[in-house]
Amino acid sequence: MILWMQWWAWMTLALLLATLEVIIPGYLFLGFAVGAGVMGLLMLFGLSASGLALTLVVFAVISLAAVLVMRRVFALPKGQVKTWDTDINDN
């Protein structure tokens, strides 16, 4: 069967993207990792898109939703600014 229709391929992609997020922090890959993980779960339970284009669109929509939710959940309260009192180079 085609690789992009396999649930384990999406889960592997999610694991690789989550690993990249640990190596390169900043919430760059976390939304994509969540999207790939959800796609893997959807395909594991039998819900799959009919073609590559539709599969990628569903993945993109799930990833975008994950990024928007994470920005809302992990954001600072409105009007609050993050400040530092010390510098890492201060002894």
PDB file of N, CA and C in Angstrom:
ATOM      1  N   MET A   1       0.836  -1.181   0.000  1.00  0.00           N
ATOM      2  CA  MET A   1       0.000   0.000   0.000  1.00  0.00           C
ATOM      3  C   MET A   1       0.886   1.252   0.000  1.00  0.00           C
ATOM      4  N   ILE A   2       0.309   2.351  -0.359  1.00  0.00           N
ATOM      5  CA  ILE A   2       1.035   3.611  -0.464  1.00  0.00           C
ATOM      6  C   ILE A   2       1.434   4.090   0.928  1.00  0.00           C
ATOM      7  N   LEU A   3       2.660   4.608   1.043  1.00  0.00           N
ATOM      8  CA  LEU A   3       3.225   4.957   2.352  1.00  0.00           C
ATOM      9  C   LEU A   3       2.431   6.039   3.072  1.00  0.00           C
ATOM     10  N   TRP A   4       1.966   7.068   2.361  1.00  0.00           N
ATOM     11  CA  TRP A   4       1.265   8.153   3.035  1.00  0.00           C
ATOM     12  C   TRP A   4      -0.130   7.762   3.497  1.00  0.00           C
ATOM     13  N   MET A   5      -0.564   6.549   3.171  1.00  0.00           N
ATOM     14  CA  MET A   5      -1.854   6.057   3.657  1.00  0.00           C
ATOM     15  C   MET A   5      -1.698   5.111   4.841  1.00  0.00           C
ATOM     16  N   GLN A   6      -0.473   4.948   5.332  1.00  0.00           N
ATOM     17  CA  GLN A   6      -0.201   4.072   6.465  1.00  0.00           C
ATOM     18  C   GLN A   6      -0.208   4.878   7.757  1.00  0.00           C
ATOM     19  N   TRP A   7      -0.884   4.385   8.766  1.00  0.00           N
ATOM     20  CA  TRP A   7      -0.972   5.114  10.038  1.00  0.00           C
ATOM     21  C   TRP A   7       0.388   5.210  10.714  1.00  0.00           C
ATOM     22  N   TRP A   8       1.199   4.162  10.603  1.00  0.00           N
ATOM     23  CA  TRP A   8       2.493   4.173  11.277  1.00  0.00           C
ATOM     24  C   TRP A   8       3.453   5.171  10.642  1.00  0.00           C
ATOM     25  N   ALA A   9       3.285   5.471   9.353  1.00  0.00           N
ATOM     26  CA  ALA A   9       4.141   6.463   8.714  1.00  0.00           C
ATOM     27  C   ALA A   9       3.849   7.854   9.280  1.00  0.00           C
ATOM     28  N   TRP A  10       2.575   8.156   9.524  1.00  0.00           N
ATOM     29  CA  TRP A  10       2.203   9.445  10.116  1.00  0.00           C
ATOM     30  C   TRP A  10       2.687   9.540  11.564  1.00  0.00           C
ATOM     31  N   MET A  11       2.612   8.442  12.301  1.00  0.00           N
ATOM     32  CA  MET A  11       3.103   8.442  13.678  1.00  0.00           C
ATOM     33  C   MET A  11       4.622   8.606  13.719  1.00  0.00           C
ATOM     34  N   THR A  12       5.318   7.998  12.774  1.00  0.00           N
ATOM     35  CA  THR A  12       6.766   8.170  12.685  1.00  0.00           C
ATOM     36  C   THR A  12       7.116   9.616  12.366  1.00  0.00           C
ATOM     37  N   LEU A  13       6.364  10.219  11.444  1.00  0.00           N
ATOM     38  CA  LEU A  13       6.569  11.626  11.122  1.00  0.00           C
ATOM     39  C   LEU A  13       6.310  12.503  12.346  1.00  0.00           C
ATOM     40  N   ALA A  14       5.273  12.180  13.107  1.00  0.00           N
ATOM     41  CA  ALA A  14       4.978  12.945  14.328  1.00  0.00           C
ATOM     42  C   ALA A  14       6.129  12.836  15.320  1.00  0.00           C
ATOM     43  N   LEU A  15       6.686  11.663  15.480  1.00  0.00           N
ATOM     44  CA  LEU A  15       7.810  11.468  16.394  1.00  0.00           C
ATOM     45  C   LEU A  15       9.048  12.234  15.920  1.00  0.00           C
ATOM     46  N   LEU A  16       9.315  12.206  14.630  1.00  0.00           N
ATOM     47  CA  LEU A  16      10.455  12.946  14.089  1.00  0.00           C
ATOM     48  C   LEU A  16      10.273  14.452  14.254  1.00  0.00           C
ATOM     49  N   LEU A  17       9.072  14.950  14.016  1.00  0.00           N
ATOM     50  CA  LEU A  17       8.826  16.379  14.173  1.00  0.00           C
ATOM     51  C   LEU A  17       8.893  16.800  15.641  1.00  0.00           C
ATOM     52  N   ALA A  18       8.414  15.953  16.536  1.00  0.00           N
ATOM     53  CA  ALA A  18       8.508  16.259  17.962  1.00  0.00           C
ATOM     54  C   ALA A  18       9.969  16.259  18.413  1.00  0.00           C
ATOM     55  N   THR A  19      10.769  15.357  17.860  1.00  0.00           N
ATOM     56  CA  THR A  19      12.196  15.340  18.174  1.00  0.00           C
ATOM     57  C   THR A  19      12.869  16.607  17.662  1.00  0.00           C
ATOM     58  N   LEU A  20      12.508  17.052  16.465  1.00  0.00           N
ATOM     59  CA  LEU A  20      13.039  18.307  15.945  1.00  0.00           C
ATOM     60  C   LEU A  20      12.646  19.477  16.825  1.00  0.00           C
ATOM     61  N   GLU A  21      11.455  19.436  17.387  1.00  0.00           N
ATOM     62  CA  GLU A  21      11.001  20.506  18.273  1.00  0.00           C
ATOM     63  C   GLU A  21      11.869  20.572  19.526  1.00  0.00           C
ATOM     64  N   VAL A  22      12.307  19.422  20.019  1.00  0.00           N
ATOM     65  CA  VAL A  22      13.183  19.404  21.191  1.00  0.00           C
ATOM     66  C   VAL A  22      14.556  19.951  20.831  1.00  0.00           C
ATOM     67  N   ILE A  23      15.041  19.603  19.650  1.00  0.00           N
ATOM     68  CA  ILE A  23      16.368  20.051  19.227  1.00  0.00           C
ATOM     69  C   ILE A  23      16.353  21.530  18.862  1.00  0.00           C
ATOM     70  N   ILE A  24      15.324  21.970  18.159  1.00  0.00           N
ATOM     71  CA  ILE A  24      15.189  23.359  17.720  1.00  0.00           C
ATOM     72  C   ILE A  24      13.929  23.930  18.370  1.00  0.00           C
ATOM     73  N   PRO A  25      14.026  24.435  19.615  1.00  0.00           N
ATOM     74  CA  PRO A  25      12.817  24.881  20.321  1.00  0.00           C
ATOM     75  C   PRO A  25      12.252  26.169  19.736  1.00  0.00           C
ATOM     76  N   GLY A  26      11.039  26.443  20.091  1.00  0.00           N
ATOM     77  CA  GLY A  26      10.391  27.673  19.654  1.00  0.00           C
ATOM     78  C   GLY A  26       9.031  27.428  19.038  1.00  0.00           C
ATOM     79  N   TYR A  27       8.455  26.263  19.282  1.00  0.00           N
ATOM     80  CA  TYR A  27       7.144  25.899  18.740  1.00  0.00           C
ATOM     81  C   TYR A  27       7.120  25.948  17.217  1.00  0.00           C
ATOM     82  N   LEU A  28       8.233  25.606  16.570  1.00  0.00           N
ATOM     83  CA  LEU A  28       8.273  25.585  15.109  1.00  0.00           C
ATOM     84  C   LEU A  28       7.658  24.312  14.545  1.00  0.00           C
ATOM     85  N   PHE A  29       7.932  23.199  15.157  1.00  0.00           N
ATOM     86  CA  PHE A  29       7.503  21.918  14.615  1.00  0.00           C
ATOM     87  C   PHE A  29       6.413  21.244  15.439  1.00  0.00           C
ATOM     88  N   LEU A  30       6.066  21.800  16.585  1.00  0.00           N
ATOM     89  CA  LEU A  30       5.117  21.135  17.477  1.00  0.00           C
ATOM     90  C   LEU A  30       3.725  21.041  16.868  1.00  0.00           C
ATOM     91  N   GLY A  31       3.277  22.073  16.203  1.00  0.00           N
ATOM     92  CA  GLY A  31       1.966  22.027  15.557  1.00  0.00           C
ATOM     93  C   GLY A  31       1.912  20.970  14.467  1.00  0.00           C
ATOM     94  N   PHE A  32       2.992  20.873  13.695  1.00  0.00           N
ATOM     95  CA  PHE A  32       3.050  19.843  12.658  1.00  0.00           C
ATOM     96  C   PHE A  32       3.111  18.446  13.268  1.00  0.00           C
ATOM     97  N   ALA A  33       3.797  18.313  14.401  1.00  0.00           N
ATOM     98  CA  ALA A  33       3.870  17.014  15.075  1.00  0.00           C
ATOM     99  C   ALA A  33       2.487  16.594  15.572  1.00  0.00           C
ATOM    100  N   VAL A  34       1.739  17.535  16.127  1.00  0.00           N
ATOM    101  CA  VAL A  34       0.375  17.228  16.578  1.00  0.00           C
ATOM    102  C   VAL A  34      -0.496  16.853  15.375  1.00  0.00           C
ATOM    103  N   GLY A  35      -0.364  17.604  14.287  1.00  0.00           N
ATOM    104  CA  GLY A  35      -1.132  17.296  13.080  1.00  0.00           C
ATOM    105  C   GLY A  35      -0.829  15.911  12.543  1.00  0.00           C
ATOM    106  N   ALA A  36       0.439  15.547  12.508  1.00  0.00           N
ATOM    107  CA  ALA A  36       0.819  14.219  12.017  1.00  0.00           C
ATOM    108  C   ALA A  36       0.330  13.128  12.969  1.00  0.00           C
ATOM    109  N   GLY A  37       0.396  13.398  14.269  1.00  0.00           N
ATOM    110  CA  GLY A  37      -0.104  12.418  15.235  1.00  0.00           C
ATOM    111  C   GLY A  37      -1.598  12.195  15.118  1.00  0.00           C
ATOM    112  N   VAL A  38      -2.348  13.265  14.933  1.00  0.00           N
ATOM    113  CA  VAL A  38      -3.802  13.136  14.770  1.00  0.00           C
ATOM    114  C   VAL A  38      -4.116  12.418  13.462  1.00  0.00           C
ATOM    115  N   MET A  39      -3.371  12.725  12.405  1.00  0.00           N
ATOM    116  CA  MET A  39      -3.575  12.011  11.135  1.00  0.00           C
ATOM    117  C   MET A  39      -3.299  10.525  11.307  1.00  0.00           C
ATOM    118  N   GLY A  40      -2.249  10.189  12.055  1.00  0.00           N
ATOM    119  CA  GLY A  40      -1.950   8.784  12.323  1.00  0.00           C
ATOM    120  C   GLY A  40      -3.074   8.099  13.079  1.00  0.00           C
ATOM    121  N   LEU A  41      -3.624   8.797  14.073  1.00  0.00           N
ATOM    122  CA  LEU A  41      -4.744   8.217  14.826  1.00  0.00           C
ATOM    123  C   LEU A  41      -5.991   8.071  13.960  1.00  0.00           C
ATOM    124  N   LEU A  42      -6.261   9.066  13.129  1.00  0.00           N
ATOM    125  CA  LEU A  42      -7.414   8.964  12.232  1.00  0.00           C
ATOM    126  C   LEU A  42      -7.277   7.775  11.293  1.00  0.00           C
ATOM    127  N   MET A  43      -6.080   7.577  10.759  1.00  0.00           N
ATOM    128  CA  MET A  43      -5.875   6.452   9.848  1.00  0.00           C
ATOM    129  C   MET A  43      -5.867   5.116  10.588  1.00  0.00           C
ATOM    130  N   LEU A  44      -5.423   5.119  11.833  1.00  0.00           N
ATOM    131  CA  LEU A  44      -5.455   3.895  12.629  1.00  0.00           C
ATOM    132  C   LEU A  44      -6.893   3.432  12.857  1.00  0.00           C
ATOM    133  N   PHE A  45      -7.797   4.378  13.064  1.00  0.00           N
ATOM    134  CA  PHE A  45      -9.193   4.050  13.304  1.00  0.00           C
ATOM    135  C   PHE A  45     -10.006   3.959  12.017  1.00  0.00           C
ATOM    136  N   GLY A  46      -9.344   4.007  10.864  1.00  0.00           N
ATOM    137  CA  GLY A  46     -10.027   3.755   9.610  1.00  0.00           C
ATOM    138  C   GLY A  46     -10.525   4.982   8.870  1.00  0.00           C
ATOM    139  N   LEU A  47     -10.304   6.173   9.387  1.00  0.00           N
ATOM    140  CA  LEU A  47     -10.731   7.380   8.700  1.00  0.00           C
ATOM    141  C   LEU A  47      -9.567   7.907   7.874  1.00  0.00           C
ATOM    142  N   SER A  48      -9.671   7.811   6.561  1.00  0.00           N
ATOM    143  CA  SER A  48      -8.586   8.294   5.715  1.00  0.00           C
ATOM    144  C   SER A  48      -9.152   9.037   4.519  1.00  0.00           C
ATOM    145  N   ALA A  49      -8.361   9.951   3.998  1.00  0.00           N
ATOM    146  CA  ALA A  49      -8.758  10.707   2.819  1.00  0.00           C
ATOM    147  C   ALA A  49      -8.539   9.850   1.578  1.00  0.00           C
ATOM    148  N   SER A  50      -9.175  10.232   0.499  1.00  0.00           N
ATOM    149  CA  SER A  50      -9.139   9.403  -0.701  1.00  0.00           C
ATOM    150  C   SER A  50      -7.878   9.604  -1.539  1.00  0.00           C
ATOM    151  N   GLY A  51      -7.216  10.748  -1.414  1.00  0.00           N
ATOM    152  CA  GLY A  51      -6.031  10.991  -2.224  1.00  0.00           C
ATOM    153  C   GLY A  51      -4.981  11.743  -1.446  1.00  0.00           C
ATOM    154  N   LEU A  52      -3.819  11.878  -2.056  1.00  0.00           N
ATOM    155  CA  LEU A  52      -2.709  12.568  -1.395  1.00  0.00           C
ATOM    156  C   LEU A  52      -3.048  14.027  -1.129  1.00  0.00           C
ATOM    157  N   ALA A  53      -3.645  14.701  -2.102  1.00  0.00           N
ATOM    158  CA  ALA A  53      -3.955  16.125  -1.943  1.00  0.00           C
ATOM    159  C   ALA A  53      -4.919  16.345  -0.778  1.00  0.00           C
ATOM    160  N   LEU A  54      -5.960  15.562  -0.697  1.00  0.00           N
ATOM    161  CA  LEU A  54      -6.936  15.718   0.390  1.00  0.00           C
ATOM    162  C   LEU A  54      -6.313  15.353   1.738  1.00  0.00           C
ATOM    163  N   THR A  55      -5.453  14.342   1.751  1.00  0.00           N
ATOM    164  CA  THR A  55      -4.758  13.965   2.979  1.00  0.00           C
ATOM    165  C   THR A  55      -3.878  15.112   3.476  1.00  0.00           C
ATOM    166  N   LEU A  56      -3.155  15.752   2.570  1.00  0.00           N
ATOM    167  CA  LEU A  56      -2.291  16.865   2.961  1.00  0.00           C
ATOM    168  C   LEU A  56      -3.098  18.078   3.409  1.00  0.00           C
ATOM    169  N   VAL A  57      -4.256  18.300   2.798  1.00  0.00           N
ATOM    170  CA  VAL A  57      -5.117  19.413   3.229  1.00  0.00           C
ATOM    171  C   VAL A  57      -5.637  19.158   4.637  1.00  0.00           C
ATOM    172  N   VAL A  58      -6.068  17.938   4.918  1.00  0.00           N
ATOM    173  CA  VAL A  58      -6.544  17.602   6.270  1.00  0.00           C
ATOM    174  C   VAL A  58      -5.412  17.759   7.278  1.00  0.00           C
ATOM    175  N   PHE A  59      -4.217  17.299   6.924  1.00  0.00           N
ATOM    176  CA  PHE A  59      -3.048  17.454   7.788  1.00  0.00           C
ATOM    177  C   PHE A  59      -2.757  18.926   8.045  1.00  0.00           C
ATOM    178  N   ALA A  60      -2.831  19.764   7.009  1.00  0.00           N
ATOM    179  CA  ALA A  60      -2.554  21.190   7.159  1.00  0.00           C
ATOM    180  C   ALA A  60      -3.594  21.858   8.049  1.00  0.00           C
ATOM    181  N   VAL A  61      -4.864  21.495   7.890  1.00  0.00           N
ATOM    182  CA  VAL A  61      -5.923  22.096   8.711  1.00  0.00           C
ATOM    183  C   VAL A  61      -5.760  21.692  10.177  1.00  0.00           C
ATOM    184  N   ILE A  62      -5.457  20.427  10.421  1.00  0.00           N
ATOM    185  CA  ILE A  62      -5.248  19.964  11.798  1.00  0.00           C
ATOM    186  C   ILE A  62      -4.031  20.650  12.412  1.00  0.00           C
ATOM    187  N   SER A  63      -2.953  20.781  11.637  1.00  0.00           N
ATOM    188  CA  SER A  63      -1.745  21.441  12.133  1.00  0.00           C
ATOM    189  C   SER A  63      -2.003  22.909  12.442  1.00  0.00           C
ATOM    190  N   LEU A  64      -2.731  23.596  11.576  1.00  0.00           N
ATOM    191  CA  LEU A  64      -3.064  24.993  11.815  1.00  0.00           C
ATOM    192  C   LEU A  64      -3.915  25.147  13.071  1.00  0.00           C
ATOM    193  N   ALA A  65      -4.886  24.266  13.235  1.00  0.00           N
ATOM    194  CA  ALA A  65      -5.721  24.315  14.439  1.00  0.00           C
ATOM    195  C   ALA A  65      -4.876  24.074  15.688  1.00  0.00           C
ATOM    196  N   ALA A  66      -3.925  23.148  15.615  1.00  0.00           N
ATOM    197  CA  ALA A  66      -3.051  22.868  16.760  1.00  0.00           C
ATOM    198  C   ALA A  66      -2.196  24.080  17.100  1.00  0.00           C
ATOM    199  N   VAL A  67      -1.661  24.747  16.084  1.00  0.00           N
ATOM    200  CA  VAL A  67      -0.837  25.937  16.322  1.00  0.00           C
ATOM    201  C   VAL A  67      -1.678  27.043  16.954  1.00  0.00           C
ATOM    202  N   LEU A  68      -2.882  27.261  16.452  1.00  0.00           N
ATOM    203  CA  LEU A  68      -3.741  28.312  17.006  1.00  0.00           C
ATOM    204  C   LEU A  68      -4.144  28.017  18.447  1.00  0.00           C
ATOM    205  N   VAL A  69      -4.440  26.760  18.748  1.00  0.00           N
ATOM    206  CA  VAL A  69      -4.792  26.383  20.122  1.00  0.00           C
ATOM    207  C   VAL A  69      -3.597  26.564  21.045  1.00  0.00           C
ATOM    208  N   MET A  70      -2.411  26.150  20.597  1.00  0.00           N
ATOM    209  CA  MET A  70      -1.214  26.296  21.441  1.00  0.00           C
ATOM    210  C   MET A  70      -0.865  27.760  21.667  1.00  0.00           C
ATOM    211  N   ARG A  71      -1.049  28.595  20.656  1.00  0.00           N
ATOM    212  CA  ARG A  71      -0.784  30.030  20.845  1.00  0.00           C
ATOM    213  C   ARG A  71      -1.736  30.615  21.875  1.00  0.00           C
ATOM    214  N   ARG A  72      -2.962  30.147  21.892  1.00  0.00           N
ATOM    215  CA  ARG A  72      -3.945  30.648  22.848  1.00  0.00           C
ATOM    216  C   ARG A  72      -3.671  30.124  24.258  1.00  0.00           C
ATOM    217  N   VAL A  73      -3.315  28.857  24.356  1.00  0.00           N
ATOM    218  CA  VAL A  73      -3.103  28.233  25.665  1.00  0.00           C
ATOM    219  C   VAL A  73      -1.802  28.702  26.308  1.00  0.00           C
ATOM    220  N   PHE A  74      -0.717  28.772  25.527  1.00  0.00           N
ATOM    221  CA  PHE A  74       0.597  29.074  26.086  1.00  0.00           C
ATOM    222  C   PHE A  74       0.962  30.549  26.039  1.00  0.00           C
ATOM    223  N   ALA A  75       0.084  31.395  25.570  1.00  0.00           N
ATOM    224  CA  ALA A  75       0.392  32.827  25.467  1.00  0.00           C
ATOM    225  C   ALA A  75       0.373  33.480  26.847  1.00  0.00           C
ATOM    226  N   LEU A  76       1.107  34.579  26.951  1.00  0.00           N
ATOM    227  CA  LEU A  76       1.062  35.374  28.167  1.00  0.00           C
ATOM    228  C   LEU A  76      -0.295  36.067  28.256  1.00  0.00           C
ATOM    229  N   PRO A  77      -0.739  36.383  29.461  1.00  0.00           N
ATOM    230  CA  PRO A  77      -1.991  37.138  29.590  1.00  0.00           C
ATOM    231  C   PRO A  77      -1.902  38.463  28.827  1.00  0.00           C
ATOM    232  N   LYS A  78      -3.023  38.906  28.309  1.00  0.00           N
ATOM    233  CA  LYS A  78      -3.056  40.108  27.474  1.00  0.00           C
ATOM    234  C   LYS A  78      -2.515  41.316  28.241  1.00  0.00           C
ATOM    235  N   GLY A  79      -1.610  42.036  27.610  1.00  0.00           N
ATOM    236  CA  GLY A  79      -1.016  43.218  28.207  1.00  0.00           C
ATOM    237  C   GLY A  79       0.221  42.936  29.039  1.00  0.00           C
ATOM    238  N   GLN A  80       0.503  41.670  29.313  1.00  0.00           N
ATOM    239  CA  GLN A  80       1.670  41.329  30.122  1.00  0.00           C
ATOM    240  C   GLN A  80       2.879  41.143  29.202  1.00  0.00           C
ATOM    241  N   VAL A  81       4.004  41.658  29.641  1.00  0.00           N
ATOM    242  CA  VAL A  81       5.240  41.557  28.886  1.00  0.00           C
ATOM    243  C   VAL A  81       6.233  40.740  29.699  1.00  0.00           C
ATOM    244  N   LYS A  82       6.922  39.835  29.048  1.00  0.00           N
ATOM    245  CA  LYS A  82       7.919  39.033  29.737  1.00  0.00           C
ATOM    246  C   LYS A  82       9.194  39.862  29.884  1.00  0.00           C
ATOM    247  N   THR A  83       9.694  39.997  31.128  1.00  0.00           N
ATOM    248  CA  THR A  83      10.929  40.733  31.387  1.00  0.00           C
ATOM    249  C   THR A  83      11.871  39.852  32.193  1.00  0.00           C
ATOM    250  N   TRP A  84      13.158  40.113  32.028  1.00  0.00           N
ATOM    251  CA  TRP A  84      14.175  39.398  32.779  1.00  0.00           C
ATOM    252  C   TRP A  84      14.921  40.396  33.650  1.00  0.00           C
ATOM    253  N   ASP A  85      15.201  39.972  34.891  1.00  0.00           N
ATOM    254  CA  ASP A  85      15.940  40.829  35.822  1.00  0.00           C
ATOM    255  C   ASP A  85      17.421  40.489  35.828  1.00  0.00           C
ATOM    256  N   THR A  86      17.764  39.292  35.392  1.00  0.00           N
ATOM    257  CA  THR A  86      19.164  38.890  35.407  1.00  0.00           C
ATOM    258  C   THR A  86      19.562  38.421  34.019  1.00  0.00           C
ATOM    259  N   ASP A  87      20.860  38.454  33.804  1.00  0.00           N
ATOM    260  CA  ASP A  87      21.413  38.009  32.542  1.00  0.00           C
ATOM    261  C   ASP A  87      22.158  36.716  32.776  1.00  0.00           C
ATOM    262  N   ILE A  88      22.159  35.849  31.806  1.00  0.00           N
ATOM    263  CA  ILE A  88      22.843  34.569  31.947  1.00  0.00           C
ATOM    264  C   ILE A  88      24.353  34.765  32.087  1.00  0.00           C
ATOM    265  N   ASN A  89      24.858  35.885  31.590  1.00  0.00           N
ATOM    266  CA  ASN A  89      26.301  36.155  31.667  1.00  0.00           C
ATOM    267  C   ASN A  89      26.717  36.860  32.959  1.00  0.00           C
ATOM    268  N   ASP A  90      25.769  37.266  33.784  1.00  0.00           N
ATOM    269  CA  ASP A  90      26.111  37.904  35.053  1.00  0.00           C
ATOM    270  C   ASP A  90      26.617  36.848  36.035  1.00  0.00           C
ATOM    271  N   ASN A  91      27.656  37.212  36.782  1.00  0.00           N
ATOM    272  CA  ASN A  91      28.215  36.273  37.753  1.00  0.00           C
ATOM    273  C   ASN A  91      27.812  36.657  39.150  1.00  0.00           C
TER     274      ASN A  91
END
